[in-house]
Amino acid sequence: MTLRSTFLVLAAAALPLAAQPLAAQHEHGARRVRRPGQALAQQAQADWDAISSVSHAPRVLTLEWTDPPFFGGHWVPEQVERAGGMNVLGAAGTDSGRTTWAEVRALAPQVVVVMCCGYGLRDNVAFARSLVAEQAGALGTAAVWAVDANALFSRPALGVVRGAHVLAALLRGEETPGLSERIRPG
């Protein structure tokens, strides 16, 4: 499946992406992938609906970069909300943005998820460990997690559904082997 058809399928499934303009621009592509795309979209929607979100709504900060700090945007806030968290920076369908460590401290997140854009779990573990060593004061008592951003958060693809499942698990304190790792308990 091409990236273009992935956008179309996810837009058709009403998953957490701002892909509607792209879908309108690629009507012909939508017709070519409609049948297999509809089945894939239905399964993705069922998987999205099956996410077992946490009930305690912890304050969550997602970091797409750590130096300088950039918070998650686009579909990431929807993933956090679907997992049961309260996203403290960024809004669904908007760009990621730069923040400051003073603002992070003031927001007092309970969970910080390091998901540096385009990086896998191993690199994000290293980024998160450096973050804990260098910015402990700004992080307060927040639990710090690293995730495989490349597979789950950085691309507008079906992995975003799995990413929301992984977020829900880590908000319950559960690691997902190969996809998330707790760096510091909260």
Protein backbone atom coordinates (compact mmCIF):
# COMPACT_ATOMS: atom_id res chain seq x y z
CA MET A 1 0.00 0.00 0.00
CA THR A 2 1.39 3.40 -0.94
CA LEU A 3 1.50 6.33 1.44
CA ARG A 4 -1.14 8.07 -0.69
CA SER A 5 -3.58 5.18 -0.42
CA THR A 6 -2.84 4.87 3.29
CA PHE A 7 -3.94 8.49 3.73
CA LEU A 8 -7.10 7.75 1.78
CA VAL A 9 -7.94 4.67 3.80
CA LEU A 10 -7.34 6.40 7.11
CA ALA A 11 -9.33 9.47 6.05
CA ALA A 12 -12.20 7.22 4.98
CA ALA A 13 -12.07 5.48 8.35
CA ALA A 14 -12.22 8.83 10.17
CA LEU A 15 -9.09 7.96 12.12
CA PRO A 16 -7.06 10.68 13.82
CA LEU A 17 -5.62 12.36 10.76
CA ALA A 18 -6.21 15.61 8.99
CA ALA A 19 -6.15 13.87 5.59
CA GLN A 20 -9.48 14.99 4.18
CA PRO A 21 -7.98 17.50 1.71
CA LEU A 22 -5.63 14.83 0.42
CA ALA A 23 -8.53 12.41 -0.03
CA ALA A 24 -10.43 14.98 -2.05
CA GLN A 25 -7.40 15.59 -4.27
CA HIS A 26 -6.95 11.90 -5.01
CA GLU A 27 -10.44 10.72 -5.93
CA HIS A 28 -9.10 8.42 -8.65
CA GLY A 29 -6.74 6.71 -6.19
CA ALA A 30 -9.61 6.25 -3.78
CA ARG A 31 -11.63 4.38 -6.40
CA ARG A 32 -8.71 2.03 -7.10
CA VAL A 33 -8.26 1.10 -3.44
CA ARG A 34 -11.89 1.28 -2.37
CA ARG A 35 -12.67 -2.43 -1.83
CA PRO A 36 -9.47 -3.50 -0.10
CA GLY A 37 -9.28 -0.08 1.52
CA GLN A 38 -12.76 -0.33 2.98
CA ALA A 39 -11.96 -3.66 4.63
CA LEU A 40 -8.70 -2.26 5.97
CA ALA A 41 -10.44 0.90 7.18
CA GLN A 42 -13.15 -1.13 8.91
CA GLN A 43 -10.53 -3.23 10.70
CA ALA A 44 -8.57 -0.12 11.66
CA GLN A 45 -11.75 1.49 13.02
CA ALA A 46 -12.58 -1.66 14.99
CA ASP A 47 -9.04 -1.69 16.43
CA TRP A 48 -9.33 2.02 17.29
CA ASP A 49 -12.66 1.43 19.01
CA ALA A 50 -11.21 -1.52 20.95
CA ILE A 51 -8.51 0.54 22.67
CA SER A 52 -8.84 0.04 26.39
CA SER A 53 -8.26 3.55 27.66
CA VAL A 54 -7.30 4.36 31.23
CA SER A 55 -9.94 5.95 33.42
CA HIS A 56 -7.73 8.25 35.52
CA ALA A 57 -6.75 10.69 32.68
CA PRO A 58 -3.13 11.47 33.57
CA ARG A 59 -1.57 14.68 32.24
CA VAL A 60 0.57 13.61 29.27
CA LEU A 61 3.32 15.47 27.43
CA THR A 62 4.55 13.96 24.19
CA LEU A 63 7.95 15.12 22.98
CA GLU A 64 8.78 14.84 19.30
CA TRP A 65 12.17 16.33 20.06
CA THR A 66 14.04 16.97 23.30
CA ASP A 67 16.63 19.69 22.57
CA PRO A 68 14.98 22.06 22.05
CA PRO A 69 11.72 20.53 23.26
CA PHE A 70 8.98 20.09 20.65
CA PHE A 71 5.57 18.74 21.62
CA GLY A 72 3.51 16.37 19.49
CA GLY A 73 0.86 17.64 17.11
CA HIS A 74 -1.12 16.36 14.11
CA TRP A 75 -2.73 13.05 15.18
CA VAL A 76 -0.67 12.51 18.37
CA PRO A 77 -3.04 14.49 20.66
CA GLU A 78 -5.91 12.27 19.47
CA GLN A 79 -3.85 9.18 20.19
CA VAL A 80 -3.21 10.42 23.74
CA GLU A 81 -6.88 11.22 24.29
CA ARG A 82 -8.02 7.87 22.88
CA ALA A 83 -5.62 6.15 25.28
CA GLY A 84 -7.29 7.99 28.15
CA GLY A 85 -4.71 10.67 28.81
CA MET A 86 -5.09 14.43 28.90
CA ASN A 87 -2.73 15.95 26.35
CA VAL A 88 -1.12 19.03 27.94
CA LEU A 89 0.37 20.64 24.79
CA GLY A 90 -0.76 20.53 21.18
CA ALA A 91 -4.13 20.03 19.58
CA ALA A 92 -5.40 17.47 17.11
CA GLY A 93 -4.86 18.51 13.50
CA THR A 94 -2.36 21.25 14.35
CA ASP A 95 1.38 21.32 13.85
CA SER A 96 3.85 20.14 16.44
CA GLY A 97 5.43 23.06 18.26
CA ARG A 98 8.33 24.28 20.26
CA THR A 99 8.04 24.75 23.99
CA THR A 100 10.38 25.59 26.85
CA TRP A 101 11.48 23.65 29.90
CA ALA A 102 9.94 26.37 32.07
CA GLU A 103 6.57 25.76 30.38
CA VAL A 104 6.97 22.00 30.83
CA ARG A 105 7.64 22.53 34.53
CA ALA A 106 4.56 24.79 34.84
CA LEU A 107 2.34 22.23 33.06
CA ALA A 108 3.41 19.54 35.54
CA PRO A 109 2.85 16.51 33.31
CA GLN A 110 2.41 13.19 35.08
CA VAL A 111 3.68 11.22 32.08
CA VAL A 112 6.28 12.30 29.51
CA VAL A 113 6.55 10.22 26.35
CA VAL A 114 9.72 10.66 24.28
CA MET A 115 8.82 9.98 20.66
CA CYS A 116 11.47 11.80 18.66
CA CYS A 117 10.21 11.97 15.11
CA GLY A 118 11.54 9.25 12.83
CA TYR A 119 13.44 7.33 15.51
CA GLY A 120 12.92 3.82 16.80
CA LEU A 121 12.77 2.62 20.38
CA ARG A 122 16.52 2.22 20.93
CA ASP A 123 17.31 5.82 19.94
CA ASN A 124 14.36 7.20 21.89
CA VAL A 125 15.51 5.31 24.99
CA ALA A 126 18.86 7.10 24.66
CA PHE A 127 17.14 10.48 24.14
CA ALA A 128 14.88 9.87 27.15
CA ARG A 129 17.77 8.87 29.42
CA SER A 130 19.65 12.04 28.45
CA LEU A 131 16.51 14.05 29.05
CA VAL A 132 16.09 12.64 32.57
CA ALA A 133 19.75 13.38 33.36
CA GLU A 134 19.68 16.93 31.97
CA GLN A 135 16.14 18.17 32.70
CA ALA A 136 15.09 16.38 35.89
CA GLY A 137 13.88 19.64 37.44
CA ALA A 138 11.61 20.47 34.52
CA LEU A 139 10.18 16.96 34.48
CA GLY A 140 9.24 17.02 38.16
CA THR A 141 7.93 13.64 39.26
CA ALA A 142 6.60 12.61 35.84
CA ALA A 143 7.02 9.07 34.65
CA VAL A 144 9.21 9.08 31.54
CA TRP A 145 8.72 6.64 28.70
CA ALA A 146 10.39 6.06 25.34
CA VAL A 147 8.53 4.63 22.36
CA ASP A 148 9.20 3.50 18.80
CA ALA A 149 8.06 6.74 17.17
CA ASN A 150 9.01 5.56 13.71
CA ALA A 151 6.53 2.68 13.86
CA LEU A 152 3.76 4.28 15.93
CA PHE A 153 3.68 8.08 15.79
CA SER A 154 5.81 9.69 13.07
CA ARG A 155 3.83 8.63 10.01
CA PRO A 156 0.18 9.03 9.11
CA ALA A 157 -0.36 5.30 8.64
CA LEU A 158 -2.13 2.40 10.28
CA GLY A 159 0.59 2.32 12.94
CA VAL A 160 -1.16 5.26 14.64
CA VAL A 161 -3.85 2.85 15.83
CA ARG A 162 -1.20 0.57 17.37
CA GLY A 163 0.43 3.69 18.82
CA ALA A 164 -2.75 4.55 20.73
CA HIS A 165 -2.85 0.98 22.09
CA VAL A 166 0.78 1.33 23.24
CA LEU A 167 0.00 4.70 24.87
CA ALA A 168 -2.95 3.17 26.73
CA ALA A 169 -0.70 0.37 27.98
CA LEU A 170 2.04 2.71 29.19
CA LEU A 171 -0.55 4.91 30.91
CA ARG A 172 -1.44 1.75 32.86
CA GLY A 173 2.28 1.31 33.63
CA GLU A 174 2.75 -1.57 31.17
CA GLU A 175 5.64 -1.83 28.73
CA THR A 176 5.00 -3.14 25.24
CA PRO A 177 8.12 -5.16 24.34
CA GLY A 178 9.96 -3.68 21.39
CA LEU A 179 7.63 -0.65 21.24
CA SER A 180 7.83 1.11 24.62
CA GLU A 181 10.16 1.22 27.59
CA ARG A 182 9.80 2.89 30.98
CA ILE A 183 12.83 5.09 31.66
CA ARG A 184 11.74 6.50 35.01
CA PRO A 185 8.71 5.64 37.16
CA GLY A 186 6.43 8.48 38.19
